[in-house]
Amino acid sequence: MIDHPPVSLRTLLLGRLNGSGLAPEVRELLRELLPYDQARSSGERAGPVQLRSITVAGWRGIGPRTTLELPPGPGLVVVAGPNGSGKSSFAEAAETRPTSC
């Protein structure tokens, strides 16, 4: 078995950006916004990641672009609302790979 070094998130995103079909000036702007990889010693785990918002458009029952803001910080977040308000749609969208940037 060949042991490949882990690919950084920046490298993965740049690869997807190159094949995105976006205009060159948009791709360049997005490249500039991507943070550079931080060097880590082997075996060191990355710190926690906190989701701040989910933006969805045209997904299941959600039509126009809509953003669900999430409170910053650690802990449990409860999204509550009546049936048909989009709770499950946001949850499924968060688990789905984006089709465009």
PDB file of N, CA and C in Angstrom:
ATOM      1  N   MET A   1       0.840  -1.165   0.000  1.00  0.00           N
ATOM      2  CA  MET A   1       0.000   0.000   0.000  1.00  0.00           C
ATOM      3  C   MET A   1       0.897   1.245   0.000  1.00  0.00           C
ATOM      4  N   ILE A   2       0.524   2.245  -0.802  1.00  0.00           N
ATOM      5  CA  ILE A   2       1.275   3.493  -0.878  1.00  0.00           C
ATOM      6  C   ILE A   2       0.698   4.465   0.137  1.00  0.00           C
ATOM      7  N   ASP A   3       1.579   5.052   0.935  1.00  0.00           N
ATOM      8  CA  ASP A   3       1.144   6.026   1.934  1.00  0.00           C
ATOM      9  C   ASP A   3       1.280   7.425   1.338  1.00  0.00           C
ATOM     10  N   HIS A   4       0.138   8.059   1.018  1.00  0.00           N
ATOM     11  CA  HIS A   4       0.142   9.399   0.443  1.00  0.00           C
ATOM     12  C   HIS A   4       0.063  10.434   1.552  1.00  0.00           C
ATOM     13  N   PRO A   5       0.810  11.544   1.417  1.00  0.00           N
ATOM     14  CA  PRO A   5       0.677  12.599   2.422  1.00  0.00           C
ATOM     15  C   PRO A   5      -0.713  13.218   2.343  1.00  0.00           C
ATOM     16  N   PRO A   6      -1.237  13.712   3.454  1.00  0.00           N
ATOM     17  CA  PRO A   6      -2.577  14.304   3.427  1.00  0.00           C
ATOM     18  C   PRO A   6      -2.593  15.555   2.546  1.00  0.00           C
ATOM     19  N   VAL A   7      -3.684  15.734   1.821  1.00  0.00           N
ATOM     20  CA  VAL A   7      -3.856  16.904   0.964  1.00  0.00           C
ATOM     21  C   VAL A   7      -4.513  17.994   1.800  1.00  0.00           C
ATOM     22  N   SER A   8      -4.004  19.203   1.683  1.00  0.00           N
ATOM     23  CA  SER A   8      -4.549  20.302   2.475  1.00  0.00           C
ATOM     24  C   SER A   8      -5.905  20.743   1.922  1.00  0.00           C
ATOM     25  N   LEU A   9      -6.687  21.354   2.764  1.00  0.00           N
ATOM     26  CA  LEU A   9      -7.983  21.883   2.359  1.00  0.00           C
ATOM     27  C   LEU A   9      -7.796  22.922   1.263  1.00  0.00           C
ATOM     28  N   ARG A  10      -6.777  23.772   1.395  1.00  0.00           N
ATOM     29  CA  ARG A  10      -6.514  24.795   0.372  1.00  0.00           C
ATOM     30  C   ARG A  10      -6.263  24.138  -0.988  1.00  0.00           C
ATOM     31  N   THR A  11      -5.471  23.077  -1.008  1.00  0.00           N
ATOM     32  CA  THR A  11      -5.173  22.381  -2.260  1.00  0.00           C
ATOM     33  C   THR A  11      -6.443  21.797  -2.872  1.00  0.00           C
ATOM     34  N   LEU A  12      -7.281  21.190  -2.047  1.00  0.00           N
ATOM     35  CA  LEU A  12      -8.547  20.634  -2.543  1.00  0.00           C
ATOM     36  C   LEU A  12      -9.444  21.722  -3.119  1.00  0.00           C
ATOM     37  N   LEU A  13      -9.561  22.841  -2.399  1.00  0.00           N
ATOM     38  CA  LEU A  13     -10.418  23.931  -2.863  1.00  0.00           C
ATOM     39  C   LEU A  13      -9.880  24.563  -4.141  1.00  0.00           C
ATOM     40  N   LEU A  14      -8.571  24.726  -4.231  1.00  0.00           N
ATOM     41  CA  LEU A  14      -7.983  25.288  -5.455  1.00  0.00           C
ATOM     42  C   LEU A  14      -8.238  24.368  -6.648  1.00  0.00           C
ATOM     43  N   GLY A  15      -8.171  23.066  -6.429  1.00  0.00           N
ATOM     44  CA  GLY A  15      -8.463  22.115  -7.497  1.00  0.00           C
ATOM     45  C   GLY A  15      -9.894  22.226  -7.979  1.00  0.00           C
ATOM     46  N   ARG A  16     -10.815  22.353  -7.064  1.00  0.00           N
ATOM     47  CA  ARG A  16     -12.222  22.505  -7.444  1.00  0.00           C
ATOM     48  C   ARG A  16     -12.464  23.855  -8.111  1.00  0.00           C
ATOM     49  N   LEU A  17     -11.782  24.867  -7.634  1.00  0.00           N
ATOM     50  CA  LEU A  17     -11.942  26.207  -8.191  1.00  0.00           C
ATOM     51  C   LEU A  17     -11.493  26.224  -9.654  1.00  0.00           C
ATOM     52  N   ASN A  18     -10.387  25.547  -9.957  1.00  0.00           N
ATOM     53  CA  ASN A  18      -9.881  25.514 -11.334  1.00  0.00           C
ATOM     54  C   ASN A  18     -10.874  24.880 -12.293  1.00  0.00           C
ATOM     55  N   GLY A  19     -11.636  23.912 -11.841  1.00  0.00           N
ATOM     56  CA  GLY A  19     -12.614  23.251 -12.698  1.00  0.00           C
ATOM     57  C   GLY A  19     -14.033  23.764 -12.531  1.00  0.00           C
ATOM     58  N   SER A  20     -14.190  24.925 -11.919  1.00  0.00           N
ATOM     59  CA  SER A  20     -15.522  25.416 -11.576  1.00  0.00           C
ATOM     60  C   SER A  20     -16.276  26.069 -12.719  1.00  0.00           C
ATOM     61  N   GLY A  21     -15.564  26.524 -13.748  1.00  0.00           N
ATOM     62  CA  GLY A  21     -16.243  27.225 -14.833  1.00  0.00           C
ATOM     63  C   GLY A  21     -16.503  28.694 -14.532  1.00  0.00           C
ATOM     64  N   LEU A  22     -16.019  29.172 -13.392  1.00  0.00           N
ATOM     65  CA  LEU A  22     -16.178  30.591 -13.054  1.00  0.00           C
ATOM     66  C   LEU A  22     -15.256  31.433 -13.918  1.00  0.00           C
ATOM     67  N   ALA A  23     -15.607  32.695 -14.066  1.00  0.00           N
ATOM     68  CA  ALA A  23     -14.783  33.629 -14.831  1.00  0.00           C
ATOM     69  C   ALA A  23     -13.399  33.725 -14.187  1.00  0.00           C
ATOM     70  N   PRO A  24     -12.343  33.914 -14.996  1.00  0.00           N
ATOM     71  CA  PRO A  24     -10.984  33.975 -14.445  1.00  0.00           C
ATOM     72  C   PRO A  24     -10.812  35.010 -13.342  1.00  0.00           C
ATOM     73  N   GLU A  25     -11.430  36.175 -13.492  1.00  0.00           N
ATOM     74  CA  GLU A  25     -11.275  37.201 -12.447  1.00  0.00           C
ATOM     75  C   GLU A  25     -11.955  36.795 -11.143  1.00  0.00           C
ATOM     76  N   VAL A  26     -13.040  36.030 -11.229  1.00  0.00           N
ATOM     77  CA  VAL A  26     -13.714  35.540 -10.026  1.00  0.00           C
ATOM     78  C   VAL A  26     -12.853  34.473  -9.360  1.00  0.00           C
ATOM     79  N   ARG A  27     -12.284  33.570 -10.160  1.00  0.00           N
ATOM     80  CA  ARG A  27     -11.400  32.542  -9.598  1.00  0.00           C
ATOM     81  C   ARG A  27     -10.200  33.176  -8.902  1.00  0.00           C
ATOM     82  N   GLU A  28      -9.623  34.216  -9.505  1.00  0.00           N
ATOM     83  CA  GLU A  28      -8.470  34.871  -8.907  1.00  0.00           C
ATOM     84  C   GLU A  28      -8.849  35.520  -7.573  1.00  0.00           C
ATOM     85  N   LEU A  29     -10.006  36.160  -7.527  1.00  0.00           N
ATOM     86  CA  LEU A  29     -10.472  36.775  -6.275  1.00  0.00           C
ATOM     87  C   LEU A  29     -10.642  35.714  -5.195  1.00  0.00           C
ATOM     88  N   LEU A  30     -11.254  34.598  -5.536  1.00  0.00           N
ATOM     89  CA  LEU A  30     -11.462  33.527  -4.562  1.00  0.00           C
ATOM     90  C   LEU A  30     -10.131  32.922  -4.119  1.00  0.00           C
ATOM     91  N   ARG A  31      -9.168  32.779  -5.046  1.00  0.00           N
ATOM     92  CA  ARG A  31      -7.840  32.279  -4.674  1.00  0.00           C
ATOM     93  C   ARG A  31      -7.205  33.161  -3.609  1.00  0.00           C
ATOM     94  N   GLU A  32      -7.354  34.474  -3.784  1.00  0.00           N
ATOM     95  CA  GLU A  32      -6.768  35.418  -2.826  1.00  0.00           C
ATOM     96  C   GLU A  32      -7.429  35.315  -1.454  1.00  0.00           C
ATOM     97  N   LEU A  33      -8.698  34.909  -1.420  1.00  0.00           N
ATOM     98  CA  LEU A  33      -9.421  34.826  -0.150  1.00  0.00           C
ATOM     99  C   LEU A  33      -9.134  33.538   0.617  1.00  0.00           C
ATOM    100  N   LEU A  34      -8.618  32.516  -0.072  1.00  0.00           N
ATOM    101  CA  LEU A  34      -8.340  31.244   0.600  1.00  0.00           C
ATOM    102  C   LEU A  34      -7.149  31.384   1.538  1.00  0.00           C
ATOM    103  N   PRO A  35      -7.305  30.982   2.783  1.00  0.00           N
ATOM    104  CA  PRO A  35      -6.167  31.083   3.710  1.00  0.00           C
ATOM    105  C   PRO A  35      -5.084  30.080   3.340  1.00  0.00           C
ATOM    106  N   TYR A  36      -3.851  30.445   3.606  1.00  0.00           N
ATOM    107  CA  TYR A  36      -2.736  29.537   3.373  1.00  0.00           C
ATOM    108  C   TYR A  36      -2.687  28.495   4.469  1.00  0.00           C
ATOM    109  N   ASP A  37      -2.129  27.350   4.132  1.00  0.00           N
ATOM    110  CA  ASP A  37      -2.009  26.259   5.099  1.00  0.00           C
ATOM    111  C   ASP A  37      -1.087  26.671   6.233  1.00  0.00           C
ATOM    112  N   GLN A  38      -1.447  26.274   7.426  1.00  0.00           N
ATOM    113  CA  GLN A  38      -0.589  26.508   8.578  1.00  0.00           C
ATOM    114  C   GLN A  38       0.201  25.236   8.838  1.00  0.00           C
ATOM    115  N   ALA A  39       1.480  25.398   9.054  1.00  0.00           N
ATOM    116  CA  ALA A  39       2.329  24.232   9.309  1.00  0.00           C
ATOM    117  C   ALA A  39       1.961  23.625  10.660  1.00  0.00           C
ATOM    118  N   ARG A  40       1.844  22.300  10.657  1.00  0.00           N
ATOM    119  CA  ARG A  40       1.570  21.580  11.899  1.00  0.00           C
ATOM    120  C   ARG A  40       2.583  20.473  12.036  1.00  0.00           C
ATOM    121  N   SER A  41       2.940  20.181  13.243  1.00  0.00           N
ATOM    122  CA  SER A  41       3.835  19.052  13.450  1.00  0.00           C
ATOM    123  C   SER A  41       3.033  17.771  13.271  1.00  0.00           C
ATOM    124  N   SER A  42       3.704  16.703  12.894  1.00  0.00           N
ATOM    125  CA  SER A  42       2.996  15.451  12.661  1.00  0.00           C
ATOM    126  C   SER A  42       2.345  14.978  13.954  1.00  0.00           C
ATOM    127  N   GLY A  43       1.148  14.478  13.812  1.00  0.00           N
ATOM    128  CA  GLY A  43       0.416  13.981  14.967  1.00  0.00           C
ATOM    129  C   GLY A  43      -0.418  15.036  15.668  1.00  0.00           C
ATOM    130  N   GLU A  44      -0.203  16.292  15.357  1.00  0.00           N
ATOM    131  CA  GLU A  44      -0.982  17.350  16.004  1.00  0.00           C
ATOM    132  C   GLU A  44      -2.354  17.434  15.349  1.00  0.00           C
ATOM    133  N   ARG A  45      -3.372  17.502  16.142  1.00  0.00           N
ATOM    134  CA  ARG A  45      -4.732  17.573  15.625  1.00  0.00           C
ATOM    135  C   ARG A  45      -5.115  19.020  15.361  1.00  0.00           C
ATOM    136  N   ALA A  46      -5.952  19.214  14.365  1.00  0.00           N
ATOM    137  CA  ALA A  46      -6.469  20.545  14.067  1.00  0.00           C
ATOM    138  C   ALA A  46      -7.437  20.950  15.169  1.00  0.00           C
ATOM    139  N   GLY A  47      -7.576  22.234  15.371  1.00  0.00           N
ATOM    140  CA  GLY A  47      -8.507  22.743  16.365  1.00  0.00           C
ATOM    141  C   GLY A  47      -9.951  22.581  15.902  1.00  0.00           C
ATOM    142  N   PRO A  48     -10.889  22.909  16.756  1.00  0.00           N
ATOM    143  CA  PRO A  48     -12.300  22.756  16.401  1.00  0.00           C
ATOM    144  C   PRO A  48     -12.714  23.723  15.295  1.00  0.00           C
ATOM    145  N   VAL A  49     -13.713  23.321  14.550  1.00  0.00           N
ATOM    146  CA  VAL A  49     -14.282  24.142  13.490  1.00  0.00           C
ATOM    147  C   VAL A  49     -15.696  24.491  13.907  1.00  0.00           C
ATOM    148  N   GLN A  50     -16.060  25.752  13.736  1.00  0.00           N
ATOM    149  CA  GLN A  50     -17.407  26.179  14.110  1.00  0.00           C
ATOM    150  C   GLN A  50     -18.132  26.723  12.893  1.00  0.00           C
ATOM    151  N   LEU A  51     -19.298  26.189  12.624  1.00  0.00           N
ATOM    152  CA  LEU A  51     -20.135  26.611  11.513  1.00  0.00           C
ATOM    153  C   LEU A  51     -20.867  27.883  11.921  1.00  0.00           C
ATOM    154  N   ARG A  52     -20.744  28.932  11.117  1.00  0.00           N
ATOM    155  CA  ARG A  52     -21.381  30.220  11.445  1.00  0.00           C
ATOM    156  C   ARG A  52     -22.710  30.417  10.734  1.00  0.00           C
ATOM    157  N   SER A  53     -22.839  29.834   9.539  1.00  0.00           N
ATOM    158  CA  SER A  53     -24.077  29.986   8.786  1.00  0.00           C
ATOM    159  C   SER A  53     -24.146  28.935   7.694  1.00  0.00           C
ATOM    160  N   ILE A  54     -25.354  28.736   7.186  1.00  0.00           N
ATOM    161  CA  ILE A  54     -25.593  27.860   6.041  1.00  0.00           C
ATOM    162  C   ILE A  54     -26.426  28.674   5.063  1.00  0.00           C
ATOM    163  N   THR A  55     -25.968  28.794   3.826  1.00  0.00           N
ATOM    164  CA  THR A  55     -26.716  29.511   2.798  1.00  0.00           C
ATOM    165  C   THR A  55     -27.153  28.519   1.740  1.00  0.00           C
ATOM    166  N   VAL A  56     -28.447  28.556   1.418  1.00  0.00           N
ATOM    167  CA  VAL A  56     -29.039  27.589   0.497  1.00  0.00           C
ATOM    168  C   VAL A  56     -29.907  28.332  -0.511  1.00  0.00           C
ATOM    169  N   ALA A  57     -29.907  27.855  -1.737  1.00  0.00           N
ATOM    170  CA  ALA A  57     -30.802  28.386  -2.770  1.00  0.00           C
ATOM    171  C   ALA A  57     -31.284  27.235  -3.633  1.00  0.00           C
ATOM    172  N   GLY A  58     -32.575  27.154  -3.878  1.00  0.00           N
ATOM    173  CA  GLY A  58     -33.127  26.137  -4.757  1.00  0.00           C
ATOM    174  C   GLY A  58     -32.952  24.717  -4.260  1.00  0.00           C
ATOM    175  N   TRP A  59     -32.961  24.511  -2.989  1.00  0.00           N
ATOM    176  CA  TRP A  59     -32.773  23.179  -2.409  1.00  0.00           C
ATOM    177  C   TRP A  59     -34.060  22.747  -1.743  1.00  0.00           C
ATOM    178  N   ARG A  60     -34.625  21.646  -2.168  1.00  0.00           N
ATOM    179  CA  ARG A  60     -35.879  21.109  -1.632  1.00  0.00           C
ATOM    180  C   ARG A  60     -36.932  22.203  -1.517  1.00  0.00           C
ATOM    181  N   GLY A  61     -37.388  22.518  -0.305  1.00  0.00           N
ATOM    182  CA  GLY A  61     -38.448  23.507  -0.132  1.00  0.00           C
ATOM    183  C   GLY A  61     -37.949  24.937  -0.051  1.00  0.00           C
ATOM    184  N   ILE A  62     -36.652  25.142  -0.212  1.00  0.00           N
ATOM    185  CA  ILE A  62     -36.099  26.490  -0.110  1.00  0.00           C
ATOM    186  C   ILE A  62     -35.896  27.020  -1.520  1.00  0.00           C
ATOM    187  N   GLY A  63     -36.564  28.124  -1.841  1.00  0.00           N
ATOM    188  CA  GLY A  63     -36.469  28.697  -3.182  1.00  0.00           C
ATOM    189  C   GLY A  63     -35.327  29.673  -3.308  1.00  0.00           C
ATOM    190  N   PRO A  64     -35.604  30.966  -3.045  1.00  0.00           N
ATOM    191  CA  PRO A  64     -34.541  31.967  -3.186  1.00  0.00           C
ATOM    192  C   PRO A  64     -33.444  31.771  -2.145  1.00  0.00           C
ATOM    193  N   ARG A  65     -32.300  32.357  -2.425  1.00  0.00           N
ATOM    194  CA  ARG A  65     -31.133  32.256  -1.530  1.00  0.00           C
ATOM    195  C   ARG A  65     -31.525  32.692  -0.120  1.00  0.00           C
ATOM    196  N   THR A  66     -31.299  31.803   0.835  1.00  0.00           N
ATOM    197  CA  THR A  66     -31.652  32.049   2.230  1.00  0.00           C
ATOM    198  C   THR A  66     -30.496  31.603   3.118  1.00  0.00           C
ATOM    199  N   THR A  67     -30.207  32.379   4.147  1.00  0.00           N
ATOM    200  CA  THR A  67     -29.105  32.052   5.055  1.00  0.00           C
ATOM    201  C   THR A  67     -29.641  31.799   6.454  1.00  0.00           C
ATOM    202  N   LEU A  68     -29.202  30.709   7.043  1.00  0.00           N
ATOM    203  CA  LEU A  68     -29.499  30.393   8.435  1.00  0.00           C
ATOM    204  C   LEU A  68     -28.266  30.758   9.240  1.00  0.00           C
ATOM    205  N   GLU A  69     -28.347  31.813  10.030  1.00  0.00           N
ATOM    206  CA  GLU A  69     -27.230  32.248  10.873  1.00  0.00           C
ATOM    207  C   GLU A  69     -27.196  31.391  12.128  1.00  0.00           C
ATOM    208  N   LEU A  70     -25.993  30.988  12.533  1.00  0.00           N
ATOM    209  CA  LEU A  70     -25.823  30.171  13.723  1.00  0.00           C
ATOM    210  C   LEU A  70     -24.997  30.953  14.737  1.00  0.00           C
ATOM    211  N   PRO A  71     -25.343  30.863  16.009  1.00  0.00           N
ATOM    212  CA  PRO A  71     -24.589  31.628  17.010  1.00  0.00           C
ATOM    213  C   PRO A  71     -23.161  31.112  17.127  1.00  0.00           C
ATOM    214  N   PRO A  72     -22.188  32.018  17.192  1.00  0.00           N
ATOM    215  CA  PRO A  72     -20.799  31.571  17.313  1.00  0.00           C
ATOM    216  C   PRO A  72     -20.517  30.983  18.680  1.00  0.00           C
ATOM    217  N   GLY A  73     -19.523  30.131  18.739  1.00  0.00           N
ATOM    218  CA  GLY A  73     -19.102  29.570  20.014  1.00  0.00           C
ATOM    219  C   GLY A  73     -19.455  28.110  20.130  1.00  0.00           C
ATOM    220  N   PRO A  74     -18.864  27.453  21.096  1.00  0.00           N
ATOM    221  CA  PRO A  74     -19.125  26.025  21.299  1.00  0.00           C
ATOM    222  C   PRO A  74     -20.498  25.803  21.913  1.00  0.00           C
ATOM    223  N   GLY A  75     -20.954  24.585  21.823  1.00  0.00           N
ATOM    224  CA  GLY A  75     -22.223  24.227  22.456  1.00  0.00           C
ATOM    225  C   GLY A  75     -23.211  23.682  21.450  1.00  0.00           C
ATOM    226  N   LEU A  76     -24.372  23.388  21.933  1.00  0.00           N
ATOM    227  CA  LEU A  76     -25.445  22.811  21.133  1.00  0.00           C
ATOM    228  C   LEU A  76     -26.317  23.913  20.560  1.00  0.00           C
ATOM    229  N   VAL A  77     -26.661  23.793  19.295  1.00  0.00           N
ATOM    230  CA  VAL A  77     -27.564  24.740  18.644  1.00  0.00           C
ATOM    231  C   VAL A  77     -28.830  23.989  18.280  1.00  0.00           C
ATOM    232  N   VAL A  78     -29.964  24.511  18.681  1.00  0.00           N
ATOM    233  CA  VAL A  78     -31.250  23.913  18.359  1.00  0.00           C
ATOM    234  C   VAL A  78     -31.942  24.802  17.339  1.00  0.00           C
ATOM    235  N   VAL A  79     -32.297  24.216  16.194  1.00  0.00           N
ATOM    236  CA  VAL A  79     -33.041  24.941  15.168  1.00  0.00           C
ATOM    237  C   VAL A  79     -34.477  24.448  15.266  1.00  0.00           C
ATOM    238  N   ALA A  80     -35.375  25.345  15.639  1.00  0.00           N
ATOM    239  CA  ALA A  80     -36.772  24.968  15.847  1.00  0.00           C
ATOM    240  C   ALA A  80     -37.668  25.794  14.943  1.00  0.00           C
ATOM    241  N   GLY A  81     -38.775  25.209  14.541  1.00  0.00           N
ATOM    242  CA  GLY A  81     -39.738  25.915  13.712  1.00  0.00           C
ATOM    243  C   GLY A  81     -40.864  24.974  13.335  1.00  0.00           C
ATOM    244  N   PRO A  82     -41.916  25.520  12.755  1.00  0.00           N
ATOM    245  CA  PRO A  82     -43.058  24.681  12.377  1.00  0.00           C
ATOM    246  C   PRO A  82     -42.716  23.753  11.215  1.00  0.00           C
ATOM    247  N   ASN A  83     -43.536  22.732  11.042  1.00  0.00           N
ATOM    248  CA  ASN A  83     -43.358  21.820   9.916  1.00  0.00           C
ATOM    249  C   ASN A  83     -43.362  22.615   8.613  1.00  0.00           C
ATOM    250  N   GLY A  84     -42.470  22.242   7.704  1.00  0.00           N
ATOM    251  CA  GLY A  84     -42.420  22.897   6.407  1.00  0.00           C
ATOM    252  C   GLY A  84     -41.638  24.197   6.390  1.00  0.00           C
ATOM    253  N   SER A  85     -40.977  24.542   7.493  1.00  0.00           N
ATOM    254  CA  SER A  85     -40.263  25.815   7.541  1.00  0.00           C
ATOM    255  C   SER A  85     -38.830  25.711   7.004  1.00  0.00           C
ATOM    256  N   GLY A  86     -38.334  24.498   6.723  1.00  0.00           N
ATOM    257  CA  GLY A  86     -37.025  24.333   6.102  1.00  0.00           C
ATOM    258  C   GLY A  86     -35.938  23.796   7.006  1.00  0.00           C
ATOM    259  N   LYS A  87     -36.266  23.378   8.214  1.00  0.00           N
ATOM    260  CA  LYS A  87     -35.231  22.879   9.144  1.00  0.00           C
ATOM    261  C   LYS A  87     -34.453  21.717   8.529  1.00  0.00           C
ATOM    262  N   SER A  88     -35.141  20.712   8.055  1.00  0.00           N
ATOM    263  CA  SER A  88     -34.491  19.538   7.469  1.00  0.00           C
ATOM    264  C   SER A  88     -33.775  19.889   6.185  1.00  0.00           C
ATOM    265  N   SER A  89     -34.310  20.823   5.423  1.00  0.00           N
ATOM    266  CA  SER A  89     -33.664  21.232   4.172  1.00  0.00           C
ATOM    267  C   SER A  89     -32.302  21.843   4.451  1.00  0.00           C
ATOM    268  N   PHE A  90     -32.204  22.690   5.474  1.00  0.00           N
ATOM    269  CA  PHE A  90     -30.910  23.267   5.836  1.00  0.00           C
ATOM    270  C   PHE A  90     -29.950  22.183   6.319  1.00  0.00           C
ATOM    271  N   ALA A  91     -30.451  21.252   7.122  1.00  0.00           N
ATOM    272  CA  ALA A  91     -29.591  20.179   7.637  1.00  0.00           C
ATOM    273  C   ALA A  91     -29.058  19.324   6.491  1.00  0.00           C
ATOM    274  N   GLU A  92     -29.894  18.971   5.542  1.00  0.00           N
ATOM    275  CA  GLU A  92     -29.443  18.158   4.410  1.00  0.00           C
ATOM    276  C   GLU A  92     -28.508  18.943   3.499  1.00  0.00           C
ATOM    277  N   ALA A  93     -28.768  20.227   3.331  1.00  0.00           N
ATOM    278  CA  ALA A  93     -27.888  21.052   2.501  1.00  0.00           C
ATOM    279  C   ALA A  93     -26.501  21.137   3.132  1.00  0.00           C
ATOM    280  N   ALA A  94     -26.436  21.183   4.446  1.00  0.00           N
ATOM    281  CA  ALA A  94     -25.138  21.262   5.137  1.00  0.00           C
ATOM    282  C   ALA A  94     -24.333  19.985   4.936  1.00  0.00           C
ATOM    283  N   GLU A  95     -24.998  18.877   4.689  1.00  0.00           N
ATOM    284  CA  GLU A  95     -24.320  17.594   4.493  1.00  0.00           C
ATOM    285  C   GLU A  95     -23.976  17.333   3.034  1.00  0.00           C
ATOM    286  N   THR A  96     -24.439  18.179   2.133  1.00  0.00           N
ATOM    287  CA  THR A  96     -24.295  17.954   0.698  1.00  0.00           C
ATOM    288  C   THR A  96     -23.157  18.780   0.125  1.00  0.00           C
ATOM    289  N   ARG A  97     -22.412  18.205  -0.766  1.00  0.00           N
ATOM    290  CA  ARG A  97     -21.316  18.916  -1.424  1.00  0.00           C
ATOM    291  C   ARG A  97     -21.898  20.017  -2.307  1.00  0.00           C
ATOM    292  N   PRO A  98     -21.333  21.223  -2.243  1.00  0.00           N
ATOM    293  CA  PRO A  98     -21.848  22.310  -3.072  1.00  0.00           C
ATOM    294  C   PRO A  98     -21.607  22.034  -4.556  1.00  0.00           C
ATOM    295  N   THR A  99     -22.530  22.520  -5.389  1.00  0.00           N
ATOM    296  CA  THR A  99     -22.386  22.340  -6.836  1.00  0.00           C
ATOM    297  C   THR A  99     -21.746  23.552  -7.485  1.00  0.00           C
ATOM    298  N   SER A 100     -21.716  24.680  -6.788  1.00  0.00           N
ATOM    299  CA  SER A 100     -21.064  25.875  -7.333  1.00  0.00           C
ATOM    300  C   SER A 100     -20.652  26.777  -6.198  1.00  0.00           C
ATOM    301  N   CYS A 101     -19.762  27.707  -6.498  1.00  0.00           N
ATOM    302  CA  CYS A 101     -19.303  28.656  -5.481  1.00  0.00           C
ATOM    303  C   CYS A 101     -20.035  29.961  -5.648  1.00  0.00           C
TER     304      CYS A 101
END
